Amino acid sequence: ELYEKSLVCVDNNSLPADLLEIKTFLTVPQDLIKVMTLCPTDVLRTKGLKVFQLSIDKFDTEAKYRFFQYLLRTSNHSGVEGYIIKNIRNQIDSALQVKEPIRFHSFLLLLLLLFTRLFYLQPGKENAWFQGTHLMPLLRKVFSLPDGPETDLLQYMDRVMESLNLLRYLVIRDKVTENQTGVWTELYKIEDTFMRPLRVGLNMSRAHYERELQDTREGKKKAKDGSVLSVSVGDEKLPRMTPDSQIQALHSALHTFDMIESVLVRVEELTEVKDGV
C-alpha cells in the first residue's frame, strides 16, 4: 500500500534509468513478481500486477528499456516474460505513432509549428529506445527459444505466444520501405533463431503428444472402468488420473500447439509476401 501510494505521486515517464543502479528499484519489482506468481490469493495477485504495471509506467523510455532487458534475463517465468513482451509491444507502438498533420492558417501558427518541431527534435525528446538500432538487442532476447527446438512449449506458452504476436504486429505495422524498428533487416536472423526452431519444436511436440494420446486410448481399452493410468510426457510423469482425464489433458496440449502454429503460419505468410515485394 505504501509503495503504491508513493508511486501515485510520481509522474509517468519521469524516473531515469540511473535509478536502476539502486538496488531497491529492482528488488521491489522482484518481490511484486513473487506475489503475482506465487501468492494463493487471487485478490493479492491482481493487486501485485496492478502495482507492478504502475511501477513500469513511472520509468522513462530508457529506464523501461533497461528494466525489460533485466527481467527477460532474470525472471525465468513464462507468464512474467509474456507480460514484459506485451509491454515492449506497447512501447514500440508508442514510438511508431504518427501524429496527425496540423493545418495552419496563419504565419503565427506556422512559426509555432516550426518551434514545436525544433523542440521535439532535440536529443532525448524522441523515443529512440524502442526503434532502430537500440531496439534490436531487446528483440533478439524476445525472439529466441530457451532450449531451441527442444523447448517445452507448454511451459513457455505465454512467452512464445506473446513473442509471435509481437512479430506479427511488427511485420504488419512497420513497412519494409520504412523499417523503423529494424525488424526487416534482422528477419533472416529471427527466422534462424526463432521461427524455424519453433516449427521444428511444434512438429516434435505434436508427434509426441499424439503418440501419448494413442497409447492412452489403447490403455483405456485394456483397463477396467474407474482405474487410473500413469502417462509419461518426456521424462516427467503426469499425475495419476483416470483415462478420460488423461485424454482430456493431452487434447488440451494439442490444442495449445494448434494455437501457436496458427500464429506462426500467419507470420510466415506475411514475411513471405513482403519479402517478394
Protein backbone atom coordinates (compact mmCIF):
# COMPACT_ATOMS: atom_id res chain seq x y z
CA GLU A 1 0.00 0.00 0.00
CA LEU A 2 2.76 2.44 0.95
CA TYR A 3 4.74 1.65 -2.22
CA GLU A 4 1.64 2.12 -4.38
CA LYS A 5 0.80 5.46 -2.76
CA SER A 6 4.36 6.69 -3.28
CA LEU A 7 4.18 5.72 -6.97
CA VAL A 8 0.89 7.54 -7.49
CA CYS A 9 2.62 10.79 -6.53
CA VAL A 10 5.24 10.32 -9.26
CA ASP A 11 4.65 11.49 -12.84
CA ASN A 12 4.55 8.85 -15.55
CA ASN A 13 7.70 8.51 -17.69
CA SER A 14 9.73 10.54 -15.21
CA LEU A 15 12.11 8.13 -13.43
CA PRO A 16 15.50 7.96 -15.21
CA ALA A 17 17.49 4.82 -15.96
CA ASP A 18 20.19 5.76 -13.43
CA LEU A 19 17.79 4.81 -10.64
CA LEU A 20 18.00 1.16 -11.70
CA GLU A 21 21.51 1.15 -10.24
CA ILE A 22 19.85 1.50 -6.83
CA LYS A 23 19.08 -2.00 -5.58
CA THR A 24 15.59 -1.14 -4.32
CA PHE A 25 14.34 -0.28 -7.80
CA LEU A 26 14.99 -3.88 -8.85
CA THR A 27 14.27 -5.84 -5.67
CA VAL A 28 10.81 -4.34 -5.09
CA PRO A 29 9.54 -5.35 -8.58
CA GLN A 30 11.03 -8.80 -7.98
CA ASP A 31 9.02 -9.04 -4.77
CA LEU A 32 5.91 -7.99 -6.69
CA ILE A 33 6.59 -10.75 -9.21
CA LYS A 34 6.65 -13.27 -6.37
CA VAL A 35 3.25 -12.00 -5.25
CA MET A 36 1.93 -12.17 -8.83
CA THR A 37 3.14 -15.72 -9.44
CA LEU A 38 3.21 -17.47 -6.06
CA CYS A 39 0.52 -15.91 -3.88
CA PRO A 40 -2.51 -18.25 -3.49
CA THR A 41 -4.93 -15.33 -3.10
CA ASP A 42 -6.33 -14.03 -6.37
CA VAL A 43 -7.01 -10.54 -4.98
CA LEU A 44 -3.39 -10.13 -3.92
CA ARG A 45 -2.08 -11.44 -7.25
CA THR A 46 -4.24 -8.93 -9.11
CA LYS A 47 -3.11 -6.15 -6.79
CA GLY A 48 0.53 -7.13 -7.30
CA LEU A 49 0.11 -6.97 -11.07
CA LYS A 50 -1.51 -3.54 -10.86
CA VAL A 51 1.32 -2.10 -8.75
CA PHE A 52 3.92 -3.81 -10.96
CA GLN A 53 2.49 -2.10 -14.06
CA LEU A 54 2.28 1.18 -12.17
CA SER A 55 5.99 0.98 -11.39
CA ILE A 56 6.78 0.34 -15.08
CA ASP A 57 4.71 3.36 -16.12
CA LYS A 58 6.82 5.67 -13.95
CA PHE A 59 10.09 4.88 -15.75
CA ASP A 60 11.21 6.97 -18.70
CA THR A 61 11.77 5.18 -22.02
CA GLU A 62 15.43 4.31 -21.43
CA ALA A 63 14.65 3.01 -17.94
CA LYS A 64 11.78 0.90 -19.33
CA TYR A 65 14.11 -0.50 -21.97
CA ARG A 66 16.77 -1.49 -19.42
CA PHE A 67 14.18 -2.80 -16.97
CA PHE A 68 12.68 -5.04 -19.66
CA GLN A 69 16.16 -6.32 -20.55
CA TYR A 70 16.82 -7.15 -16.92
CA LEU A 71 13.55 -9.03 -16.43
CA LEU A 72 13.86 -11.02 -19.66
CA ARG A 73 17.28 -12.10 -18.45
CA THR A 74 16.33 -12.97 -14.86
CA SER A 75 12.63 -13.79 -14.48
CA ASN A 76 12.59 -17.48 -15.56
CA HIS A 77 8.79 -17.36 -15.61
CA SER A 78 6.92 -17.61 -18.90
CA GLY A 79 3.93 -15.59 -17.71
CA VAL A 80 6.10 -12.72 -16.50
CA GLU A 81 8.16 -12.77 -19.69
CA GLY A 82 4.99 -12.75 -21.77
CA TYR A 83 3.72 -9.75 -19.82
CA ILE A 84 7.00 -7.89 -20.37
CA ILE A 85 6.89 -8.66 -24.11
CA LYS A 86 3.37 -7.21 -24.22
CA ASN A 87 4.74 -4.04 -22.58
CA ILE A 88 7.54 -3.93 -25.16
CA ARG A 89 4.94 -4.03 -27.91
CA ASN A 90 3.08 -1.11 -26.32
CA GLN A 91 6.29 0.93 -26.18
CA ILE A 92 7.10 0.16 -29.82
CA ASP A 93 3.58 1.17 -30.79
CA SER A 94 4.01 4.50 -28.98
CA ALA A 95 7.34 5.06 -30.73
CA LEU A 96 5.79 4.41 -34.14
CA GLN A 97 2.74 6.59 -33.65
CA VAL A 98 2.38 9.16 -36.40
CA LYS A 99 0.86 12.44 -35.33
CA GLU A 100 -1.99 13.85 -37.38
CA PRO A 101 -0.83 16.66 -39.66
CA ILE A 102 -1.54 20.12 -38.30
CA ARG A 103 -3.26 22.58 -40.62
CA PHE A 104 -2.18 26.15 -40.09
CA HIS A 105 -3.96 29.20 -41.44
CA SER A 106 -1.63 31.97 -40.46
CA PHE A 107 2.02 32.88 -40.30
CA LEU A 108 1.86 32.80 -36.50
CA LEU A 109 0.71 29.19 -36.47
CA LEU A 110 3.48 28.31 -38.92
CA LEU A 111 6.08 29.78 -36.57
CA LEU A 112 4.53 27.90 -33.66
CA LEU A 113 4.68 24.64 -35.60
CA LEU A 114 8.34 25.17 -36.53
CA PHE A 115 9.24 25.95 -32.92
CA THR A 116 7.44 22.83 -31.70
CA ARG A 117 9.24 20.62 -34.20
CA LEU A 118 12.62 22.07 -33.29
CA PHE A 119 11.88 21.45 -29.62
CA TYR A 120 10.88 17.83 -30.12
CA LEU A 121 13.83 17.10 -32.37
CA GLN A 122 16.27 17.96 -29.61
CA PRO A 123 18.26 14.98 -28.24
CA GLY A 124 16.27 12.93 -25.76
CA LYS A 125 12.87 14.13 -26.92
CA GLU A 126 12.17 11.18 -29.22
CA ASN A 127 11.57 7.59 -28.17
CA ALA A 128 14.70 6.17 -29.79
CA TRP A 129 14.95 3.22 -27.41
CA PHE A 130 12.09 1.28 -28.97
CA GLN A 131 13.00 1.61 -32.63
CA GLY A 132 16.05 1.13 -34.84
CA THR A 133 19.45 0.12 -33.52
CA HIS A 134 18.53 0.38 -29.84
CA LEU A 135 15.54 -1.90 -30.22
CA MET A 136 17.26 -4.83 -31.93
CA PRO A 137 19.23 -6.16 -28.90
CA LEU A 138 15.96 -6.27 -26.97
CA LEU A 139 14.13 -8.04 -29.81
CA ARG A 140 16.90 -10.64 -30.01
CA LYS A 141 16.12 -11.57 -26.42
CA VAL A 142 12.43 -11.77 -27.25
CA PHE A 143 12.76 -13.80 -30.45
CA SER A 144 14.58 -16.78 -29.01
CA LEU A 145 13.69 -20.17 -27.55
CA PRO A 146 15.30 -21.06 -24.19
CA ASP A 147 16.19 -24.59 -25.30
CA GLY A 148 15.93 -24.28 -29.07
CA PRO A 149 13.66 -26.82 -30.79
CA GLU A 150 13.52 -28.86 -27.57
CA THR A 151 11.92 -26.02 -25.59
CA ASP A 152 8.91 -27.16 -23.56
CA LEU A 153 6.23 -25.27 -25.48
CA LEU A 154 3.57 -25.89 -22.84
CA GLN A 155 5.75 -24.44 -20.10
CA TYR A 156 6.76 -21.45 -22.25
CA MET A 157 3.42 -20.94 -23.98
CA ASP A 158 2.83 -17.39 -22.65
CA ARG A 159 6.24 -16.20 -23.75
CA VAL A 160 6.06 -17.90 -27.15
CA MET A 161 2.57 -16.59 -27.93
CA GLU A 162 3.42 -13.01 -26.97
CA SER A 163 6.64 -13.20 -29.00
CA LEU A 164 4.71 -14.38 -32.04
CA ASN A 165 2.06 -11.70 -31.55
CA LEU A 166 4.79 -9.05 -31.34
CA LEU A 167 6.45 -10.35 -34.51
CA ARG A 168 3.12 -10.39 -36.33
CA TYR A 169 2.48 -6.81 -35.19
CA LEU A 170 5.91 -5.65 -36.38
CA VAL A 171 5.68 -7.12 -39.88
CA ILE A 172 2.20 -5.61 -40.31
CA ARG A 173 2.84 -2.24 -38.68
CA ASP A 174 6.38 -1.50 -39.89
CA LYS A 175 6.58 -1.20 -43.67
CA VAL A 176 9.50 -2.82 -45.47
CA THR A 177 10.35 0.50 -47.10
CA GLU A 178 10.46 2.31 -43.74
CA ASN A 179 11.90 -0.40 -41.46
CA GLN A 180 11.76 1.89 -38.42
CA THR A 181 12.16 -0.98 -35.97
CA GLY A 182 14.88 -2.77 -37.94
CA VAL A 183 12.84 -5.98 -37.98
CA TRP A 184 13.20 -6.41 -41.75
CA THR A 185 16.98 -6.13 -41.53
CA GLU A 186 17.05 -8.80 -38.82
CA LEU A 187 14.35 -11.03 -40.27
CA TYR A 188 16.74 -13.71 -41.52
CA LYS A 189 18.21 -13.99 -38.00
CA ILE A 190 14.75 -14.14 -36.45
CA GLU A 191 13.86 -16.95 -38.85
CA ASP A 192 17.02 -18.88 -37.92
CA THR A 193 16.88 -18.42 -34.15
CA PHE A 194 13.13 -18.35 -33.53
CA MET A 195 10.74 -19.26 -36.34
CA ARG A 196 12.45 -22.37 -37.74
CA PRO A 197 13.34 -23.85 -34.32
CA LEU A 198 9.76 -23.18 -33.22
CA ARG A 199 8.43 -25.01 -36.28
CA VAL A 200 10.66 -28.00 -35.51
CA GLY A 201 9.66 -27.91 -31.85
CA LEU A 202 5.97 -27.81 -32.73
CA ASN A 203 6.29 -30.82 -35.03
CA MET A 204 8.22 -32.79 -32.41
CA SER A 205 5.83 -31.88 -29.59
CA ARG A 206 2.70 -32.65 -31.60
CA ALA A 207 4.06 -36.03 -32.72
CA HIS A 208 4.98 -36.91 -29.13
CA TYR A 209 1.62 -35.94 -27.64
CA GLU A 210 -0.32 -37.64 -30.43
CA ARG A 211 1.59 -40.83 -29.70
CA GLU A 212 0.85 -40.47 -25.98
CA LEU A 213 -2.82 -39.89 -26.80
CA GLN A 214 -2.95 -43.04 -28.90
CA ASP A 215 -1.20 -45.06 -26.16
CA THR A 216 -3.60 -43.72 -23.54
CA ARG A 217 -6.64 -44.63 -25.62
CA GLU A 218 -5.29 -48.13 -26.11
CA GLY A 219 -4.54 -48.38 -22.39
CA LYS A 220 -8.08 -47.27 -21.62
CA LYS A 221 -9.49 -50.13 -23.67
CA LYS A 222 -7.44 -52.63 -21.69
CA ALA A 223 -8.07 -51.05 -18.28
CA LYS A 224 -11.16 -51.60 -16.17
CA ASP A 225 -13.68 -48.81 -15.65
CA GLY A 226 -12.64 -46.34 -12.97
CA SER A 227 -8.98 -47.41 -12.96
CA VAL A 228 -6.17 -44.89 -13.17
CA LEU A 229 -3.31 -44.68 -15.65
CA SER A 230 0.17 -43.24 -15.42
CA VAL A 231 1.35 -41.44 -18.55
CA SER A 232 4.85 -40.10 -19.14
CA VAL A 233 5.49 -36.98 -21.22
CA GLY A 234 9.19 -36.67 -21.88
CA ASP A 235 10.94 -37.63 -18.66
CA GLU A 236 8.06 -36.41 -16.49
CA LYS A 237 5.12 -38.49 -15.37
CA LEU A 238 1.75 -36.79 -15.42
CA PRO A 239 -0.25 -37.03 -12.18
CA ARG A 240 -2.15 -40.29 -11.91
CA MET A 241 -5.70 -39.79 -13.13
CA THR A 242 -8.49 -41.59 -14.91
CA PRO A 243 -8.05 -42.39 -18.62
CA ASP A 244 -10.67 -39.82 -19.58
CA SER A 245 -8.84 -37.10 -17.63
CA GLN A 246 -5.54 -38.09 -19.24
CA ILE A 247 -7.09 -37.93 -22.70
CA GLN A 248 -8.58 -34.51 -21.94
CA ALA A 249 -5.19 -33.20 -20.76
CA LEU A 250 -3.46 -34.47 -23.89
CA HIS A 251 -6.14 -32.93 -26.12
CA SER A 252 -5.61 -29.62 -24.32
CA ALA A 253 -1.88 -29.79 -25.04
CA LEU A 254 -2.52 -30.47 -28.73
CA HIS A 255 -4.93 -27.53 -28.84
CA THR A 256 -2.18 -25.30 -27.44
CA PHE A 257 0.16 -26.41 -30.22
CA ASP A 258 -2.57 -25.60 -32.77
CA MET A 259 -2.91 -22.06 -31.37
CA ILE A 260 0.83 -21.47 -31.54
CA GLU A 261 1.02 -22.84 -35.07
CA SER A 262 -1.86 -20.69 -36.32
CA VAL A 263 0.01 -17.50 -35.39
CA LEU A 264 3.32 -18.87 -36.69
CA VAL A 265 1.72 -19.70 -40.05
CA ARG A 266 0.29 -16.18 -40.28
CA VAL A 267 3.72 -14.64 -39.59
CA GLU A 268 5.31 -16.91 -42.20
CA GLU A 269 2.70 -15.82 -44.75
CA LEU A 270 3.23 -12.14 -44.00
CA THR A 271 7.01 -12.33 -44.26
CA GLU A 272 6.88 -14.33 -47.49
CA VAL A 273 4.53 -11.82 -49.12
CA LYS A 274 6.59 -8.80 -48.08
CA ASP A 275 9.88 -10.48 -48.98
CA GLY A 276 8.55 -10.76 -52.50
CA VAL A 277 7.63 -7.08 -52.71
